[in-house]
N, C-alpha and C. Protein backbone atom coordinates (compact mmCIF):
# COMPACT_ATOMS: atom_id res chain seq x y z
N MET A 1 -79.10 194.60 -32.07
CA MET A 1 -78.10 195.41 -31.36
C MET A 1 -77.09 194.63 -30.78
N LYS A 2 -75.82 194.87 -30.90
CA LYS A 2 -74.72 194.21 -30.17
C LYS A 2 -74.81 194.78 -28.80
N ARG A 3 -74.72 193.97 -27.85
CA ARG A 3 -74.72 194.39 -26.36
C ARG A 3 -73.33 194.44 -25.84
N VAL A 4 -73.08 193.42 -24.93
CA VAL A 4 -71.74 193.35 -24.29
C VAL A 4 -70.68 192.78 -25.39
N THR A 5 -69.42 193.50 -25.43
CA THR A 5 -68.45 193.10 -26.34
C THR A 5 -67.19 192.47 -25.66
N GLY A 6 -67.23 192.45 -24.28
CA GLY A 6 -66.17 192.03 -23.65
C GLY A 6 -66.04 192.42 -22.14
N ILE A 7 -65.17 191.82 -21.42
CA ILE A 7 -64.87 192.36 -20.00
C ILE A 7 -64.11 193.51 -20.01
N GLY A 8 -64.51 194.60 -19.48
CA GLY A 8 -63.88 195.81 -19.31
C GLY A 8 -63.11 195.96 -18.04
N GLY A 9 -63.57 195.33 -17.00
CA GLY A 9 -62.95 195.35 -15.71
C GLY A 9 -63.37 194.36 -14.65
N LEU A 10 -62.52 194.04 -13.70
CA LEU A 10 -62.80 193.25 -12.55
C LEU A 10 -62.53 194.10 -11.41
N PHE A 11 -63.47 194.33 -10.53
CA PHE A 11 -63.26 195.12 -9.32
C PHE A 11 -63.74 194.43 -8.07
N PHE A 12 -62.79 194.51 -7.09
CA PHE A 12 -63.14 193.70 -5.97
C PHE A 12 -62.64 194.34 -4.63
N LYS A 13 -63.31 194.11 -3.42
CA LYS A 13 -62.82 194.67 -2.25
C LYS A 13 -61.83 193.84 -1.61
N VAL A 14 -60.79 194.53 -0.91
CA VAL A 14 -59.91 193.78 -0.20
C VAL A 14 -59.44 194.61 1.00
N ASP A 15 -58.64 194.10 2.03
CA ASP A 15 -58.39 194.77 3.08
C ASP A 15 -57.26 195.96 2.89
N ASP A 16 -56.42 195.62 1.98
CA ASP A 16 -55.29 196.56 1.70
C ASP A 16 -54.80 196.49 0.21
N PRO A 17 -55.45 197.42 -0.45
CA PRO A 17 -55.33 197.37 -2.04
C PRO A 17 -53.82 197.48 -2.33
N LYS A 18 -52.98 198.19 -1.72
CA LYS A 18 -51.61 198.45 -2.05
C LYS A 18 -50.92 197.12 -1.79
N LYS A 19 -51.14 196.37 -0.74
CA LYS A 19 -50.58 195.18 -0.49
C LYS A 19 -50.95 194.12 -1.40
N THR A 20 -52.30 194.08 -1.77
CA THR A 20 -52.82 193.19 -2.88
C THR A 20 -52.13 193.37 -4.14
N LYS A 21 -51.91 194.65 -4.62
CA LYS A 21 -51.31 194.99 -5.79
C LYS A 21 -49.89 194.51 -5.82
N GLN A 22 -49.16 194.67 -4.75
CA GLN A 22 -47.81 194.17 -4.60
C GLN A 22 -47.70 192.77 -4.65
N TRP A 23 -48.58 191.99 -3.96
CA TRP A 23 -48.59 190.56 -4.18
C TRP A 23 -48.81 190.08 -5.60
N TYR A 24 -49.65 190.54 -6.22
CA TYR A 24 -50.00 190.21 -7.61
C TYR A 24 -48.78 190.61 -8.46
N LYS A 25 -48.12 191.66 -8.30
CA LYS A 25 -46.95 192.09 -9.03
C LYS A 25 -45.87 191.10 -8.80
N LYS A 26 -45.57 190.81 -7.58
CA LYS A 26 -44.43 189.88 -7.33
C LYS A 26 -44.69 188.44 -7.70
N HIS A 27 -45.81 187.96 -7.37
CA HIS A 27 -46.28 186.45 -7.66
C HIS A 27 -46.68 186.14 -8.91
N LEU A 28 -47.56 187.02 -9.51
CA LEU A 28 -48.13 186.82 -10.99
C LEU A 28 -47.59 187.60 -12.03
N GLY A 29 -46.82 188.61 -11.65
CA GLY A 29 -46.15 189.50 -12.73
C GLY A 29 -47.10 190.59 -13.18
N PHE A 30 -48.27 190.95 -12.41
CA PHE A 30 -49.05 192.01 -12.82
C PHE A 30 -48.17 193.31 -13.00
N ASN A 31 -48.47 194.15 -14.07
CA ASN A 31 -47.80 195.44 -14.17
C ASN A 31 -48.77 196.43 -13.47
N THR A 32 -48.68 196.55 -12.13
CA THR A 32 -49.61 197.37 -11.39
C THR A 32 -49.24 198.72 -11.28
N ASP A 33 -50.24 199.54 -11.15
CA ASP A 33 -50.12 201.01 -10.91
C ASP A 33 -51.13 201.48 -9.86
N ASP A 34 -51.32 202.69 -9.79
CA ASP A 34 -52.28 203.18 -8.68
C ASP A 34 -53.69 202.65 -8.78
N TRP A 35 -54.07 202.33 -10.14
CA TRP A 35 -55.48 201.76 -10.22
C TRP A 35 -55.58 200.40 -10.26
N GLY A 36 -54.46 199.72 -10.31
CA GLY A 36 -54.45 198.23 -10.33
C GLY A 36 -53.70 197.76 -11.52
N CYS A 37 -54.23 197.04 -12.54
CA CYS A 37 -53.41 196.48 -13.65
C CYS A 37 -54.22 196.50 -14.80
N THR A 38 -53.87 197.00 -16.02
CA THR A 38 -54.53 197.13 -17.25
C THR A 38 -53.93 196.00 -18.19
N PHE A 39 -54.72 194.95 -18.72
CA PHE A 39 -54.45 194.10 -19.61
C PHE A 39 -54.86 194.54 -21.10
N TRP A 40 -53.98 194.49 -21.90
CA TRP A 40 -54.22 194.91 -23.23
C TRP A 40 -54.35 193.66 -24.12
N TRP A 41 -55.24 193.69 -25.07
CA TRP A 41 -55.68 192.69 -26.09
C TRP A 41 -56.33 193.20 -27.33
N ARG A 42 -56.53 192.41 -28.25
CA ARG A 42 -57.06 192.93 -29.47
C ARG A 42 -58.46 192.26 -29.65
N ASP A 43 -59.38 192.95 -30.30
CA ASP A 43 -60.67 192.37 -30.63
C ASP A 43 -60.69 191.55 -31.94
N GLU A 44 -61.85 191.13 -32.28
CA GLU A 44 -61.87 190.23 -33.56
C GLU A 44 -61.56 191.06 -34.82
N ASN A 45 -61.57 192.41 -34.81
CA ASN A 45 -61.30 193.29 -35.79
C ASN A 45 -59.76 193.83 -35.69
N GLY A 46 -59.06 193.34 -34.71
CA GLY A 46 -57.70 193.82 -34.52
C GLY A 46 -57.66 195.13 -33.70
N ASN A 47 -58.72 195.48 -33.23
CA ASN A 47 -58.54 196.91 -32.58
C ASN A 47 -57.91 196.66 -31.11
N LYS A 48 -57.10 197.54 -30.62
CA LYS A 48 -56.46 197.29 -29.34
C LYS A 48 -57.39 197.73 -28.35
N CYS A 49 -57.68 196.83 -27.30
CA CYS A 49 -58.63 196.98 -26.25
C CYS A 49 -57.96 196.75 -24.83
N SER A 50 -58.65 197.13 -23.75
CA SER A 50 -58.22 196.93 -22.51
C SER A 50 -59.14 196.29 -21.53
N THR A 51 -58.67 195.73 -20.52
CA THR A 51 -59.44 195.17 -19.42
C THR A 51 -58.75 195.59 -18.14
N GLN A 52 -59.57 196.28 -17.25
CA GLN A 52 -58.76 196.80 -15.99
C GLN A 52 -59.01 195.75 -14.68
N TRP A 53 -58.05 195.39 -13.91
CA TRP A 53 -58.11 194.81 -12.81
C TRP A 53 -57.87 195.70 -11.54
N SER A 54 -58.85 195.90 -10.80
CA SER A 54 -58.72 196.85 -9.64
C SER A 54 -59.15 196.43 -8.31
N PRO A 55 -58.34 196.27 -7.28
CA PRO A 55 -58.65 196.06 -5.86
C PRO A 55 -59.15 197.37 -5.31
N PHE A 56 -60.22 197.38 -4.64
CA PHE A 56 -60.72 198.45 -3.77
C PHE A 56 -60.66 198.23 -2.30
N THR A 57 -60.72 199.32 -1.61
CA THR A 57 -60.95 199.18 -0.08
C THR A 57 -62.16 198.73 0.29
N GLN A 58 -62.32 197.99 1.44
CA GLN A 58 -63.51 197.32 1.92
C GLN A 58 -64.61 198.51 2.09
N ASP A 59 -64.33 199.73 2.36
CA ASP A 59 -65.33 200.67 2.69
C ASP A 59 -65.66 201.48 1.40
N THR A 60 -65.41 201.02 0.23
CA THR A 60 -65.72 201.79 -1.20
C THR A 60 -67.16 201.89 -1.11
N LYS A 61 -67.61 203.02 -1.62
CA LYS A 61 -69.18 203.22 -1.82
C LYS A 61 -69.42 203.03 -3.40
N TYR A 62 -68.37 202.73 -4.15
CA TYR A 62 -68.57 202.69 -5.68
C TYR A 62 -69.54 201.61 -6.00
N TYR A 63 -69.57 200.53 -5.31
CA TYR A 63 -70.55 199.30 -5.73
C TYR A 63 -71.91 199.58 -5.39
N GLU A 64 -72.27 200.57 -4.54
CA GLU A 64 -73.61 200.86 -3.98
C GLU A 64 -74.49 201.11 -5.24
N PRO A 65 -75.87 200.66 -5.13
CA PRO A 65 -76.46 200.02 -4.02
C PRO A 65 -76.12 198.60 -3.76
N SER A 66 -75.37 197.95 -4.59
CA SER A 66 -75.03 196.50 -4.39
C SER A 66 -74.32 196.41 -2.95
N LYS A 67 -74.47 195.25 -2.34
CA LYS A 67 -73.95 195.04 -1.05
C LYS A 67 -72.77 193.86 -1.28
N LYS A 68 -72.37 193.64 -2.63
CA LYS A 68 -71.51 192.59 -2.80
C LYS A 68 -70.05 193.22 -2.79
N ASP A 69 -69.12 192.29 -2.70
CA ASP A 69 -67.63 192.64 -2.54
C ASP A 69 -66.90 192.82 -3.81
N PHE A 70 -67.78 192.77 -5.00
CA PHE A 70 -67.08 192.81 -6.47
C PHE A 70 -68.19 193.56 -7.33
N MET A 71 -67.57 193.93 -8.36
CA MET A 71 -68.44 194.61 -9.43
C MET A 71 -67.69 194.21 -10.78
N PHE A 72 -68.40 193.92 -11.68
CA PHE A 72 -67.91 193.67 -13.09
C PHE A 72 -68.19 194.93 -14.05
N ASN A 73 -67.27 195.09 -14.86
CA ASN A 73 -67.56 196.16 -15.89
C ASN A 73 -67.28 195.41 -17.28
N TYR A 74 -68.48 195.77 -18.03
CA TYR A 74 -68.48 195.08 -19.43
C TYR A 74 -68.48 196.07 -20.36
N ARG A 75 -67.69 195.77 -21.46
CA ARG A 75 -67.52 196.65 -22.57
C ARG A 75 -68.76 196.60 -23.41
N VAL A 76 -69.14 197.87 -23.95
CA VAL A 76 -70.42 197.86 -24.92
C VAL A 76 -70.16 198.79 -26.00
N ASP A 77 -70.85 198.59 -27.11
CA ASP A 77 -70.68 199.35 -28.27
C ASP A 77 -71.42 200.72 -28.22
N ASN A 78 -72.62 200.67 -27.83
CA ASN A 78 -73.48 201.94 -27.72
C ASN A 78 -74.23 202.09 -26.46
N LEU A 79 -73.55 202.67 -25.54
CA LEU A 79 -74.08 202.74 -24.03
C LEU A 79 -75.45 203.31 -24.08
N LYS A 80 -75.56 204.51 -24.73
CA LYS A 80 -76.98 205.17 -24.59
C LYS A 80 -78.17 204.32 -25.13
N GLU A 81 -77.91 203.72 -26.22
CA GLU A 81 -78.95 202.93 -26.84
C GLU A 81 -79.22 201.59 -26.06
N LEU A 82 -78.15 200.94 -25.55
CA LEU A 82 -78.35 199.85 -24.67
C LEU A 82 -79.06 200.14 -23.54
N LEU A 83 -78.76 201.33 -22.84
CA LEU A 83 -79.51 201.66 -21.53
C LEU A 83 -80.98 201.85 -21.88
N VAL A 84 -81.29 202.52 -23.01
CA VAL A 84 -82.81 202.78 -23.34
C VAL A 84 -83.41 201.28 -23.52
N GLN A 85 -82.74 200.40 -24.16
CA GLN A 85 -83.28 199.07 -24.48
C GLN A 85 -83.51 198.33 -23.10
N LEU A 86 -82.44 198.36 -22.25
CA LEU A 86 -82.47 197.75 -20.98
C LEU A 86 -83.72 198.20 -20.20
N LYS A 87 -83.88 199.48 -20.06
CA LYS A 87 -84.85 200.10 -19.35
C LYS A 87 -86.33 199.60 -19.85
N LYS A 88 -86.55 199.53 -21.11
CA LYS A 88 -87.74 199.02 -21.74
C LYS A 88 -87.73 197.52 -21.35
N GLU A 89 -86.75 196.70 -21.06
CA GLU A 89 -86.97 195.42 -20.60
C GLU A 89 -86.94 195.17 -19.07
N GLY A 90 -87.13 196.29 -18.27
CA GLY A 90 -87.38 196.53 -16.88
C GLY A 90 -86.04 196.17 -16.11
N VAL A 91 -85.03 196.50 -16.68
CA VAL A 91 -83.67 196.39 -15.97
C VAL A 91 -83.56 197.75 -15.14
N THR A 92 -83.14 197.61 -13.82
CA THR A 92 -83.05 198.86 -13.03
C THR A 92 -81.63 199.54 -13.50
N ILE A 93 -81.86 200.82 -13.84
CA ILE A 93 -80.72 201.72 -14.25
C ILE A 93 -80.22 202.49 -12.87
N VAL A 94 -79.09 202.50 -12.66
CA VAL A 94 -78.55 203.24 -11.41
C VAL A 94 -77.71 204.53 -11.85
N GLY A 95 -78.25 205.70 -11.45
CA GLY A 95 -77.53 206.87 -11.64
C GLY A 95 -77.70 207.28 -13.18
N GLU A 96 -76.78 208.29 -13.57
CA GLU A 96 -76.80 208.82 -14.81
C GLU A 96 -75.53 208.40 -15.60
N ILE A 97 -75.48 208.56 -16.90
CA ILE A 97 -74.26 208.28 -17.64
C ILE A 97 -73.34 209.26 -17.41
N GLU A 98 -72.07 208.82 -17.16
CA GLU A 98 -70.92 209.76 -16.93
C GLU A 98 -70.00 209.58 -18.11
N GLU A 99 -69.53 210.80 -18.66
CA GLU A 99 -68.42 210.69 -19.82
C GLU A 99 -67.15 211.32 -19.61
N TYR A 100 -66.17 210.59 -19.92
CA TYR A 100 -64.71 210.90 -19.67
C TYR A 100 -63.95 210.83 -21.14
N ASP A 101 -62.76 211.34 -21.13
CA ASP A 101 -61.99 211.16 -22.30
C ASP A 101 -61.62 209.75 -22.61
N TYR A 102 -61.77 208.82 -21.78
CA TYR A 102 -61.61 207.34 -22.06
C TYR A 102 -62.79 206.54 -22.21
N GLY A 103 -63.96 207.27 -22.21
CA GLY A 103 -65.27 206.50 -22.55
C GLY A 103 -66.43 206.96 -21.75
N LYS A 104 -67.70 206.44 -21.96
CA LYS A 104 -68.83 206.57 -21.27
C LYS A 104 -69.21 205.35 -20.33
N PHE A 105 -69.73 205.78 -19.14
CA PHE A 105 -70.09 204.67 -18.15
C PHE A 105 -71.55 204.99 -17.74
N GLY A 106 -72.29 203.63 -17.54
CA GLY A 106 -73.55 203.65 -17.05
C GLY A 106 -73.57 202.37 -16.08
N TRP A 107 -74.64 202.30 -15.26
CA TRP A 107 -74.75 201.22 -14.16
C TRP A 107 -76.14 200.78 -14.34
N ILE A 108 -76.13 199.43 -14.08
CA ILE A 108 -77.40 198.62 -13.93
C ILE A 108 -77.36 197.74 -12.80
N MET A 109 -78.41 197.13 -12.21
CA MET A 109 -78.45 196.19 -11.35
C MET A 109 -78.93 194.84 -12.07
N ASP A 110 -78.30 193.59 -11.68
CA ASP A 110 -78.74 192.36 -12.23
C ASP A 110 -79.85 191.82 -11.35
N ASN A 111 -80.32 190.64 -11.69
CA ASN A 111 -81.49 190.08 -10.99
C ASN A 111 -80.98 189.58 -9.53
N ASP A 112 -79.66 189.49 -9.23
CA ASP A 112 -79.15 188.99 -7.97
C ASP A 112 -78.72 190.23 -7.16
N GLY A 113 -78.95 191.38 -7.48
CA GLY A 113 -78.56 192.52 -6.79
C GLY A 113 -77.13 193.02 -6.97
N ASN A 114 -76.51 192.49 -8.00
CA ASN A 114 -75.14 192.98 -8.26
C ASN A 114 -75.19 194.26 -9.19
N LYS A 115 -74.45 195.28 -8.80
CA LYS A 115 -74.21 196.48 -9.56
C LYS A 115 -73.32 196.10 -10.69
N ILE A 116 -73.57 196.47 -11.95
CA ILE A 116 -72.88 196.15 -13.28
C ILE A 116 -72.42 197.53 -13.79
N GLU A 117 -71.29 197.71 -14.13
CA GLU A 117 -70.79 198.92 -14.91
C GLU A 117 -70.69 198.65 -16.25
N LEU A 118 -71.35 199.45 -17.13
CA LEU A 118 -71.28 199.25 -18.69
C LEU A 118 -70.40 200.45 -19.11
N TRP A 119 -69.42 200.14 -20.00
CA TRP A 119 -68.38 201.02 -20.42
C TRP A 119 -68.36 200.96 -21.94
N GLU A 120 -68.61 202.25 -22.53
CA GLU A 120 -68.28 202.36 -23.96
C GLU A 120 -66.91 202.90 -24.13
N PRO A 121 -65.97 202.14 -24.31
CA PRO A 121 -64.70 202.72 -24.06
C PRO A 121 -64.02 203.54 -25.35
N ILE A 122 -63.08 204.32 -25.06
CA ILE A 122 -62.21 204.99 -26.07
C ILE A 122 -60.76 204.58 -25.68
N ASP A 123 -60.36 203.32 -26.19
CA ASP A 123 -59.09 202.69 -25.77
C ASP A 123 -57.96 203.56 -26.17
N SER A 124 -58.10 204.43 -27.16
CA SER A 124 -56.88 205.15 -27.62
C SER A 124 -56.53 206.16 -26.76
N ALA A 125 -57.46 206.62 -25.84
CA ALA A 125 -57.05 207.57 -24.72
C ALA A 125 -56.06 207.04 -23.78
N PHE A 126 -55.75 205.80 -23.75
CA PHE A 126 -54.72 205.17 -22.89
C PHE A 126 -53.35 205.11 -23.56
N GLU A 127 -53.37 205.37 -24.84
CA GLU A 127 -52.09 205.33 -25.49
C GLU A 127 -51.18 206.39 -25.43
């Protein structure tokens, strides 16, 4: 079974997300919006894919139960099947799968206490 297919997002805490987005836009040319910046690329089959870069406020609860200042989002092919397999392997599953028009999301904890977001994307929803 194929597991992770790419990086879906980089999420990190900052003091002022708006100011951070402006800095990255001015100095590094990021095409920022309310959520951060979306990078578009193509996978080995030529499919259009995205990776999200998003600064969050310091008081966000989105990364809980992790105490870290960051969270990675990894793209996966079959979220439900992967979560079943990970649970069998003793990996801690956090919460329930959430489904949106742009994909399915699930969360796990790694061995260092980092919350990881797993995303089965529907990239065409962004076009």
